[in-house]
C-alpha atoms as a PDB file:
ATOM      1  CA  MET A   1       0.090   0.441   0.464  1.00  0.00           C
ATOM      2  CA  ARG A   2       1.533   3.331  -1.553  1.00  0.00           C
ATOM      3  CA  GLU A   3       1.123   6.944   0.310  1.00  0.00           C
ATOM      4  CA  LEU A   4      -0.548  10.134  -1.365  1.00  0.00           C
ATOM      5  CA  THR A   5       2.144  11.990  -2.179  1.00  0.00           C
ATOM      6  CA  LEU A   6       1.744  15.557  -1.504  1.00  0.00           C
ATOM      7  CA  GLU A   7       1.652  16.776  -5.478  1.00  0.00           C
ATOM      8  CA  GLU A   8      -2.128  14.330  -5.482  1.00  0.00           C
ATOM      9  CA  VAL A   9      -3.345  15.960  -2.664  1.00  0.00           C
ATOM     10  CA  GLN A  10      -2.534  19.354  -3.375  1.00  0.00           C
ATOM     11  CA  THR A  11      -4.288  18.460  -6.973  1.00  0.00           C
ATOM     12  CA  ILE A  12      -7.503  17.239  -4.463  1.00  0.00           C
ATOM     13  CA  LEU A  13      -7.740  20.109  -2.690  1.00  0.00           C
ATOM     14  CA  THR A  14      -7.326  22.831  -5.636  1.00  0.00           C
ATOM     15  CA  GLU A  15      -9.366  21.153  -8.340  1.00  0.00           C
ATOM     16  CA  GLY A  16     -11.967  20.494  -5.957  1.00  0.00           C
ATOM     17  CA  VAL A  17     -12.006  24.424  -4.174  1.00  0.00           C
ATOM     18  CA  ALA A  18     -11.568  25.584  -8.297  1.00  0.00           C
ATOM     19  CA  LEU A  19     -14.873  23.591  -9.199  1.00  0.00           C
ATOM     20  CA  ALA A  20     -16.942  24.798  -6.362  1.00  0.00           C
ATOM     21  CA  ARG A  21     -15.142  28.816  -7.189  1.00  0.00           C
ATOM     22  CA  SER A  22     -16.298  28.468 -10.825  1.00  0.00           C
ATOM     23  CA  LYS A  23     -19.988  27.323  -9.381  1.00  0.00           C
ATOM     24  CA  GLY A  24     -19.836  30.848  -7.429  1.00  0.00           C
ATOM     25  CA  PHE A  25     -19.655  28.823  -3.635  1.00  0.00           C
ATOM     26  CA  PRO A  26     -16.550  28.871  -1.470  1.00  0.00           C
ATOM     27  CA  SER A  27     -16.930  25.308  -0.530  1.00  0.00           C
ATOM     28  CA  THR A  28     -13.697  23.451   1.331  1.00  0.00           C
ATOM     29  CA  VAL A  29     -12.324  20.682   0.645  1.00  0.00           C
ATOM     30  CA  ALA A  30     -10.671  18.184   3.034  1.00  0.00           C
ATOM     31  CA  VAL A  31      -7.915  15.309   2.772  1.00  0.00           C
ATOM     32  CA  VAL A  32      -7.062  12.528   4.654  1.00  0.00           C
ATOM     33  CA  ASP A  33      -4.742   9.668   5.085  1.00  0.00           C
ATOM     34  CA  MET A  34      -5.389   6.922   5.599  1.00  0.00           C
ATOM     35  CA  GLY A  35      -5.375   6.297   8.420  1.00  0.00           C
ATOM     36  CA  GLY A  36      -7.855   9.434   8.582  1.00  0.00           C
ATOM     37  CA  ASN A  37      -5.052  12.258  10.055  1.00  0.00           C
ATOM     38  CA  LEU A  38      -5.456  14.977   8.205  1.00  0.00           C
ATOM     39  CA  ARG A  39      -3.150  15.698   5.579  1.00  0.00           C
ATOM     40  CA  GLY A  40      -4.519  18.796   3.369  1.00  0.00           C
ATOM     41  CA  VAL A  41      -7.417  21.766   4.178  1.00  0.00           C
ATOM     42  CA  LEU A  42      -8.332  24.061   1.609  1.00  0.00           C
ATOM     43  CA  ARG A  43     -11.098  26.970   2.797  1.00  0.00           C
ATOM     44  CA  PRO A  44     -11.394  29.743   0.296  1.00  0.00           C
ATOM     45  CA  GLU A  45     -11.985  33.318   1.418  1.00  0.00           C
ATOM     46  CA  LYS A  46     -15.889  34.101   2.406  1.00  0.00           C
ATOM     47  CA  GLY A  47     -15.299  30.155   3.495  1.00  0.00           C
ATOM     48  CA  ARG A  48     -17.512  29.437   6.177  1.00  0.00           C
ATOM     49  CA  ILE A  49     -15.771  28.037   9.797  1.00  0.00           C
ATOM     50  CA  ALA A  50     -17.377  25.138   9.938  1.00  0.00           C
ATOM     51  CA  ASN A  51     -16.724  23.967   7.267  1.00  0.00           C
ATOM     52  CA  PRO A  52     -13.121  22.698   7.581  1.00  0.00           C
ATOM     53  CA  ASP A  53     -14.488  20.731  10.540  1.00  0.00           C
ATOM     54  CA  ILE A  54     -17.489  19.038   8.127  1.00  0.00           C
ATOM     55  CA  ALA A  55     -15.162  18.103   5.465  1.00  0.00           C
ATOM     56  CA  ILE A  56     -12.107  16.654   7.715  1.00  0.00           C
ATOM     57  CA  LYS A  57     -14.996  14.610   9.446  1.00  0.00           C
ATOM     58  CA  LYS A  58     -16.946  13.820   5.477  1.00  0.00           C
ATOM     59  CA  ALA A  59     -13.092  12.629   4.720  1.00  0.00           C
ATOM     60  CA  TRP A  60     -11.808  10.906   7.761  1.00  0.00           C
ATOM     61  CA  THR A  61     -15.893   8.405   7.737  1.00  0.00           C
ATOM     62  CA  ALA A  62     -15.123   7.531   4.432  1.00  0.00           C
ATOM     63  CA  VAL A  63     -12.341   6.002   5.214  1.00  0.00           C
ATOM     64  CA  ALA A  64     -12.804   4.958   8.627  1.00  0.00           C
ATOM     65  CA  LEU A  65     -15.959   2.893   6.663  1.00  0.00           C
ATOM     66  CA  HIS A  66     -14.613   2.085   2.982  1.00  0.00           C
ATOM     67  CA  ARG A  67     -17.184   3.503   1.558  1.00  0.00           C
ATOM     68  CA  SER A  68     -19.135   6.520   0.625  1.00  0.00           C
ATOM     69  CA  THR A  69     -20.959   9.078   2.874  1.00  0.00           C
ATOM     70  CA  ALA A  70     -23.938   8.762   0.833  1.00  0.00           C
ATOM     71  CA  GLN A  71     -23.233   5.075   1.409  1.00  0.00           C
ATOM     72  CA  VAL A  72     -23.516   5.586   5.199  1.00  0.00           C
ATOM     73  CA  ARG A  73     -26.005   6.899   5.461  1.00  0.00           C
ATOM     74  CA  ASP A  74     -28.176   4.800   3.757  1.00  0.00           C
ATOM     75  CA  ILE A  75     -26.447   1.997   6.247  1.00  0.00           C
ATOM     76  CA  MET A  76     -27.010   4.722   9.454  1.00  0.00           C
ATOM     77  CA  ILE A  77     -29.962   5.701   9.396  1.00  0.00           C
ATOM     78  CA  THR A  78     -32.318   3.119   8.123  1.00  0.00           C
ATOM     79  CA  THR A  79     -33.455   1.143  11.257  1.00  0.00           C
ATOM     80  CA  ASP A  80     -33.360  -3.017   9.723  1.00  0.00           C
ATOM     81  CA  LYS A  81     -29.362  -1.803   8.315  1.00  0.00           C
ATOM     82  CA  PHE A  82     -26.548  -3.471   9.781  1.00  0.00           C
ATOM     83  CA  GLY A  83     -24.916   0.925  10.781  1.00  0.00           C
ATOM     84  CA  HIS A  84     -27.970   1.897  12.111  1.00  0.00           C
ATOM     85  CA  GLY A  85     -27.131   4.289  14.884  1.00  0.00           C
ATOM     86  CA  LEU A  86     -23.429   4.247  14.749  1.00  0.00           C
ATOM     87  CA  GLN A  87     -23.652   7.993  14.060  1.00  0.00           C
ATOM     88  CA  PHE A  88     -23.659   8.375  17.673  1.00  0.00           C
ATOM     89  CA  THR A  89     -20.561   6.666  18.843  1.00  0.00           C
ATOM     90  CA  ASP A  90     -17.630   8.564  17.418  1.00  0.00           C
ATOM     91  CA  GLU A  91     -18.367  12.718  16.833  1.00  0.00           C
ATOM     92  CA  ARG A  92     -16.031  12.172  13.674  1.00  0.00           C
ATOM     93  CA  PHE A  93     -18.958  10.870  11.906  1.00  0.00           C
ATOM     94  CA  CYS A  94     -20.832  12.662   9.152  1.00  0.00           C
ATOM     95  CA  ILE A  95     -23.889  11.408   7.182  1.00  0.00           C
ATOM     96  CA  VAL A  96     -24.089  13.743   5.084  1.00  0.00           C
ATOM     97  CA  ALA A  97     -22.982  13.089   0.611  1.00  0.00           C
ATOM     98  CA  GLY A  98     -19.492  14.846   0.038  1.00  0.00           C
ATOM     99  CA  GLY A  99     -17.334  12.673   1.250  1.00  0.00           C
ATOM    100  CA  PHE A 100     -15.246   9.462  -0.483  1.00  0.00           C
ATOM    101  CA  PRO A 101     -12.290   6.719   0.187  1.00  0.00           C
ATOM    102  CA  ILE A 102      -9.410   7.375  -1.974  1.00  0.00           C
ATOM    103  CA  ARG A 103      -8.240   3.781  -3.577  1.00  0.00           C
ATOM    104  CA  ASP A 104      -4.887   2.990  -5.170  1.00  0.00           C
ATOM    105  CA  GLU A 105      -3.702   0.841  -7.296  1.00  0.00           C
ATOM    106  CA  ALA A 106      -3.981  -2.337  -5.822  1.00  0.00           C
ATOM    107  CA  GLY A 107      -7.910  -1.440  -4.418  1.00  0.00           C
ATOM    108  CA  ASP A 108      -6.158  -0.572  -0.954  1.00  0.00           C
ATOM    109  CA  ILE A 109      -8.027   2.598   0.732  1.00  0.00           C
ATOM    110  CA  ILE A 110      -4.594   4.784   0.792  1.00  0.00           C
ATOM    111  CA  GLY A 111      -7.237   8.405   2.149  1.00  0.00           C
ATOM    112  CA  GLY A 112     -10.170  10.441   1.928  1.00  0.00           C
ATOM    113  CA  VAL A 113     -11.981  13.421   0.561  1.00  0.00           C
ATOM    114  CA  GLY A 114     -14.376  15.399   2.310  1.00  0.00           C
ATOM    115  CA  THR A 115     -16.479  18.698   0.891  1.00  0.00           C
ATOM    116  CA  SER A 116     -17.959  21.027   2.881  1.00  0.00           C
ATOM    117  CA  GLY A 117     -19.801  24.615   1.857  1.00  0.00           C
ATOM    118  CA  GLY A 118     -21.977  24.088  -1.290  1.00  0.00           C
ATOM    119  CA  PRO A 119     -25.152  22.032  -2.538  1.00  0.00           C
ATOM    120  CA  VAL A 120     -25.219  18.661  -2.395  1.00  0.00           C
ATOM    121  CA  ASP A 121     -24.341  17.929  -5.569  1.00  0.00           C
ATOM    122  CA  LEU A 122     -21.649  20.355  -6.268  1.00  0.00           C
ATOM    123  CA  ASP A 123     -19.874  18.479  -2.783  1.00  0.00           C
ATOM    124  CA  ILE A 124     -19.835  15.621  -4.283  1.00  0.00           C
ATOM    125  CA  GLU A 125     -18.367  17.484  -7.637  1.00  0.00           C
ATOM    126  CA  CYS A 126     -15.691  18.742  -5.641  1.00  0.00           C
ATOM    127  CA  SER A 127     -14.983  15.688  -3.392  1.00  0.00           C
ATOM    128  CA  LEU A 128     -14.567  13.891  -7.302  1.00  0.00           C
ATOM    129  CA  VAL A 129     -13.058  16.494  -9.632  1.00  0.00           C
ATOM    130  CA  GLY A 130      -9.581  15.623  -8.767  1.00  0.00           C
ATOM    131  CA  MET A 131      -9.406  12.309  -7.934  1.00  0.00           C
ATOM    132  CA  ARG A 132     -10.374  11.909 -11.845  1.00  0.00           C
ATOM    133  CA  LYS A 133      -7.745  14.372 -12.696  1.00  0.00           C
ATOM    134  CA  LEU A 134      -5.388  12.127 -11.528  1.00  0.00           C
ATOM    135  CA  GLY A 135      -6.492   8.751 -12.588  1.00  0.00           C
ATOM    136  CA  PHE A 136      -8.403   7.633  -9.120  1.00  0.00           C
ATOM    137  CA  ASN A 137     -11.267   4.989  -9.291  1.00  0.00           C
ATOM    138  CA  THR A 138     -14.507   6.784  -8.544  1.00  0.00           C
ATOM    139  CA  ASP A 139     -17.112   3.855  -8.818  1.00  0.00           C
ATOM    140  CA  PHE A 140     -18.102   3.690  -6.192  1.00  0.00           C
ATOM    141  CA  ALA A 141     -20.048   0.312  -5.319  1.00  0.00           C
ATOM    142  CA  ASP A 142     -21.812  -0.941  -1.788  1.00  0.00           C
ATOM    143  CA  PRO A 143     -18.746  -3.164  -0.012  1.00  0.00           C
ATOM    144  CA  LEU A 144     -21.828  -4.848   1.196  1.00  0.00           C
ATOM    145  CA  ALA A 145     -23.350  -5.473  -2.307  1.00  0.00           C
ATOM    146  CA  GLY A 146     -21.771  -8.849  -2.667  1.00  0.00           C
ATOM    147  CA  ALA A 147     -22.706  -9.996   1.746  1.00  0.00           C
ATOM    148  CA  PRO A 148     -24.280 -12.962   1.970  1.00  0.00           C
ATOM    149  CA  MET A 149     -27.945 -12.004   3.562  1.00  0.00           C
ATOM    150  CA  THR A 150     -29.505 -12.557   6.690  1.00  0.00           C
ATOM    151  CA  ALA A 151     -32.234 -13.981   8.233  1.00  0.00           C
ATOM    152  CA  LYS A 152     -34.207 -10.971   7.965  1.00  0.00           C
ATOM    153  CA  ASP A 153     -33.219  -9.863   5.109  1.00  0.00           C
ATOM    154  CA  LYS A 154     -34.638 -13.629   3.349  1.00  0.00           C
ATOM    155  CA  SER A 155     -37.695 -13.047   4.921  1.00  0.00           C
ATOM    156  CA  ALA A 156     -38.458  -9.854   3.456  1.00  0.00           C
ATOM    157  CA  LYS A 157     -37.162 -11.212   0.682  1.00  0.00           C
ATOM    158  CA  ALA A 158     -39.095 -13.839   0.720  1.00  0.00           C
ATOM    159  CA  ALA A 159     -42.782 -12.193   1.694  1.00  0.00           C
ATOM    160  CA  LYS A 160     -41.810  -9.096  -1.901  1.00  0.00           C
ATOM    161  CA  PRO A 161     -43.698 -11.583  -3.306  1.00  0.00           C
ATOM    162  CA  ALA A 162     -46.355 -13.583  -1.984  1.00  0.00           C
ATOM    163  CA  ARG A 163     -47.425  -9.283  -1.082  1.00  0.00           C
ATOM    164  CA  LYS A 164     -47.320  -8.999  -5.026  1.00  0.00           C
ATOM    165  CA  ALA A 165     -49.639 -12.251  -5.719  1.00  0.00           C
ATOM    166  CA  SER A 166     -52.369 -11.524  -2.836  1.00  0.00           C
ATOM    167  CA  ALA A 167     -52.783  -8.126  -4.490  1.00  0.00           C
ATOM    168  CA  LYS A 168     -53.262  -9.822  -7.688  1.00  0.00           C
ATOM    169  CA  ALA A 169     -55.496 -12.419  -6.483  1.00  0.00           C
ATOM    170  CA  LYS A 170     -57.654  -9.238  -5.130  1.00  0.00           C
ATOM    171  CA  LYS A 171     -57.752  -7.773  -9.040  1.00  0.00           C
END
């Protein structure tokens, strides 16, 4: 496993901030290493003072849980998911979209990026623009998508066709 280079960190930060500024937002971008330690943060003029902390938390969350913060939100706020309530266990968790893990060529997580300060869709794009420029993979599949289903999942899946059949019978 390799580390992010200083040049890669700088590119991710500057490309993200440049995109936000081009859209009229003073968004902050942060990059952490594979251990969640801050490698860099860039807050432009007029950026809100809360943005650096939020961007860092988004990047940290993506590294800690090996998925985007949008995917983290789904597993933490949905009561039938394994991570329900996990956001209350560590104050560094952020369940707002805009944070992504950074993987090297071998697929190992070598860092994370987070952006805060614009609309969620822009935060997402600002986090990804520098990664794309550097050739990092920006396809983020759910790491548990191929995981075996729990008994609860199996019974819920089995109940769906039964519900559809009974709805058709009523017609």
